[in-house]
């Protein structure tokens, strides 16, 4: 499929927005579970957004990038939706993502 760069960028942006919206709606899915299953989580997405902003010289703080992904300040999201990680999830995280 041949598409021009502008269209590809618009499609990729639409996919990103849809993924972020999906993750905002699925507050039952914990970040540690995402990391263990997919190798990335909401924090990764917010870090990648900040990295992209930095590369373009756009001022975006870590807190702002997290709010863009979570839809609210990160601390509020954690209070409302983050459950304690199970021992099994923590052990899996140590094995699959040491140092995280």
Protein backbone atom coordinates (compact mmCIF):
# COMPACT_ATOMS: atom_id res chain seq x y z
CA UNK A 1 0.00 0.00 0.00
CA UNK A 2 1.55 3.27 -1.09
CA UNK A 3 0.50 6.31 0.90
CA UNK A 4 2.07 9.70 1.18
CA UNK A 5 3.95 10.77 4.31
CA UNK A 6 1.27 13.21 5.48
CA UNK A 7 -1.48 10.59 5.26
CA UNK A 8 0.70 8.01 7.03
CA UNK A 9 1.41 10.49 9.82
CA UNK A 10 -2.30 11.28 10.18
CA UNK A 11 -3.17 7.57 10.33
CA UNK A 12 -0.45 6.89 12.88
CA UNK A 13 -1.66 9.81 15.00
CA UNK A 14 -5.23 8.49 14.86
CA UNK A 15 -4.05 5.05 15.96
CA UNK A 16 -2.09 6.56 18.86
CA UNK A 17 -5.12 8.58 19.99
CA UNK A 18 -7.30 5.46 19.80
CA UNK A 19 -4.80 3.41 21.81
CA UNK A 20 -4.58 6.11 24.47
CA UNK A 21 -8.39 6.35 24.66
CA UNK A 22 -8.65 2.58 24.94
CA UNK A 23 -6.15 2.53 27.82
CA UNK A 24 -7.99 5.38 29.55
CA UNK A 25 -11.20 3.34 29.37
CA UNK A 26 -9.54 0.10 30.54
CA UNK A 27 -8.52 1.27 33.98
CA UNK A 28 -8.91 -2.32 35.14
CA UNK A 29 -5.77 -3.20 33.20
CA UNK A 30 -2.79 -2.46 35.41
CA UNK A 31 0.49 -1.11 34.06
CA UNK A 32 2.43 -4.05 35.49
CA UNK A 33 0.16 -6.44 33.59
CA UNK A 34 0.73 -4.48 30.39
CA UNK A 35 4.49 -4.60 30.96
CA UNK A 36 4.46 -8.33 31.65
CA UNK A 37 2.32 -9.15 28.63
CA UNK A 38 3.26 -6.54 26.04
CA UNK A 39 6.55 -5.07 27.22
CA UNK A 40 5.18 -1.53 27.48
CA UNK A 41 2.66 0.38 29.58
CA UNK A 42 1.03 3.78 29.90
CA UNK A 43 4.22 5.21 31.42
CA UNK A 44 6.20 3.96 28.42
CA UNK A 45 3.78 5.72 26.07
CA UNK A 46 4.11 8.94 28.04
CA UNK A 47 7.90 8.63 28.00
CA UNK A 48 7.88 8.06 24.24
CA UNK A 49 5.65 11.11 23.81
CA UNK A 50 8.09 13.19 25.85
CA UNK A 51 11.04 11.81 23.86
CA UNK A 52 9.32 12.79 20.61
CA UNK A 53 8.60 16.28 21.97
CA UNK A 54 12.21 16.65 23.10
CA UNK A 55 13.46 15.57 19.67
CA UNK A 56 11.32 18.28 18.07
CA UNK A 57 12.29 20.94 20.60
CA UNK A 58 8.75 21.06 22.01
CA UNK A 59 8.52 21.91 25.71
CA UNK A 60 6.68 19.04 27.39
CA UNK A 61 7.31 18.00 30.97
CA UNK A 62 7.13 14.44 32.25
CA UNK A 63 3.96 15.36 34.17
CA UNK A 64 2.39 16.86 31.04
CA UNK A 65 3.20 13.81 28.94
CA UNK A 66 1.74 11.52 31.58
CA UNK A 67 -1.42 13.60 31.78
CA UNK A 68 -1.72 13.42 27.98
CA UNK A 69 -1.73 9.63 28.21
CA UNK A 70 -3.66 9.11 31.45
CA UNK A 71 -6.22 11.85 30.85
CA UNK A 72 -5.60 13.23 34.32
CA UNK A 73 -2.62 13.90 36.56
CA UNK A 74 -0.72 10.66 37.16
CA UNK A 75 -1.02 10.85 40.95
CA UNK A 76 -4.81 11.07 40.70
CA UNK A 77 -4.93 8.13 38.27
CA UNK A 78 -2.83 6.06 40.68
CA UNK A 79 -5.13 6.90 43.60
CA UNK A 80 -8.26 6.04 41.61
CA UNK A 81 -7.15 3.04 39.57
CA UNK A 82 -3.82 1.51 40.56
CA UNK A 83 -4.10 -1.65 42.60
CA UNK A 84 -1.31 -3.28 44.52
CA UNK A 85 0.67 -5.61 42.31
CA UNK A 86 0.37 -9.28 43.08
CA UNK A 87 3.48 -11.21 44.10
CA UNK A 88 3.17 -13.17 40.85
CA UNK A 89 3.07 -10.01 38.74
CA UNK A 90 6.07 -8.57 40.59
CA UNK A 91 8.05 -11.79 40.08
CA UNK A 92 7.15 -11.86 36.38
CA UNK A 93 8.25 -8.23 36.07
CA UNK A 94 11.63 -9.04 37.66
CA UNK A 95 12.15 -11.84 35.13
CA UNK A 96 10.95 -10.10 31.98
CA UNK A 97 12.09 -6.53 32.72
CA UNK A 98 14.98 -6.52 35.18
CA UNK A 99 15.88 -3.06 36.35
CA UNK A 100 12.42 -1.58 35.77
